[in-house]
Amino acid sequence: GGYTCKAGIGGQQQPTRVVANCAVKPKRERRFFLADQIDEIIDFSQLFYKRPCERGYITNWELQCEIWDRIYKHVLKVEPAESDLLVTEPVCNLASLSRSMDEMVFERYKFRNYARLPAPSMSLYHANPTAAAKMMSETYSVVVDVGYSFTHVVPFIEEMPVNHAIKRVNVGGKMLTNYLKEVVSYRAFSMMDESHLINHVKEKVCLTSLDFKRDLVKSKLPKKRNNLRLEYVLPTHVDGKTLGHIKSATDKTTDDEQVLVLSNERITVPELLFSPSILGLKQGGIAEAIAESVKACHPDIQALLVSNIILTGGSSKFPGFEERLKQDLRALIPTDFELNIKTADSKEDASLTAWKGGSMMVKSGAFSKYSVSRQLYNEYGTDACKRKFFWYV
């Protein structure tokens, strides 16, 4: 993914390790830390990030290969030439990037067999585990992947995506974090260099409002009547690894504490996913994208699609997100359509849905249906991959 790499062995219940897909340089260090090395960082304040992905697409192959080298040698401890690879790619990926991926896999790493699938395709197998053994979902569904760089809505007929109906919302977790940084820096403390800390604040305090305008009025009420008001105690950096925490109502503020007061910011940040126009983006939110995607499909299957919506991605974990999506979507689809949204339960991480689906594919034997062998690649080159991985063309 654009934010993290989930690495593991096919058939496992959980990935071996989830590592950041970036290189990080602390302000007091002279070198960059990659992937699992980031755990060795002592001070997480004012980190400088280098990411191989921009807007979800790989733009720095040299850095990406360094991260992959680290994962193969030190995290998974496998020899690529003796292994098979199942990897995700962005929805409707650029052909040039797909070719570069194929060349890296077979010419640099020399994997035996290889398959690349967009994350929504893998999420189908996690949502329909009984169908994974048959190597197709045998159902009509819409996968909504709320990721780090953007949000994709992909309708499926069985295992095949309906390409002309795929919709994209240019809002993801990265934009939410950057927006919160700007708001906090303008209203309270300068946090433009504190991406790691602000991302933690976003994950801990933000929630989805079911009535944004009403809650926005409530956020302006006095302290005792404002149930959105919350105090977040910033880290002192005595221990650089320790992040801040939410202050309870009974605790008193000490002299050495810096407190970040948050109110309407808690609901405004996730609201960007439903109303990108707040930032001036001329497009609808997730609910509108789903409705447009379903309407672009054949009328006979529209009711079947909305009855099986699969919600995945790390940015869908805000409290109240599913309820808000149901509420907004209900107003956009015919009243006689049954609306059903599947999400990861409270014990599961929605950002791991695609990885778990891929692990199920390998365990069920479906991987062999999708993969290309090194022998076939040596004979036909990237055309072999182009013919095999044709779903999103």
Foldseek 3Di string as FASTA:
>chain_A
DQFWDFADDFQDQGGLDIWGQWWKDDPPDDDTAETPRVVVDFAQFLIDIDHQDDLQAGDNVVSNVVNVVCCCCPRHNHQQLAAEEEEEGAFLDDPVRLQVVQCCSCVVRNHFKYFYYHLQLLLLCLVQVVCLLVLKNCAWAWEWAQAAQWIKIWTDHTSFTPQVLIDIGRDHNPVLLQVQQVVCVVPPNNCNSNSVQSSVVLVPQAAADLDLVVLVVLLPDDDVSQPQKWKWWADPPPGNVDGIGTDDPPDDDDPSTDIRIDGSSRHVSLCCQQPVCVVPDPDGHPLVSNLSSLVVDDPVCSLRHQQHYEYAYQSCPHHPSVVSSCVSNCVRDDVPRDGDYDYDDPVDHRNCSSVSSSSSNVVSVSSVQQMDGSVNCVVPNCVVVCVRHVRSD
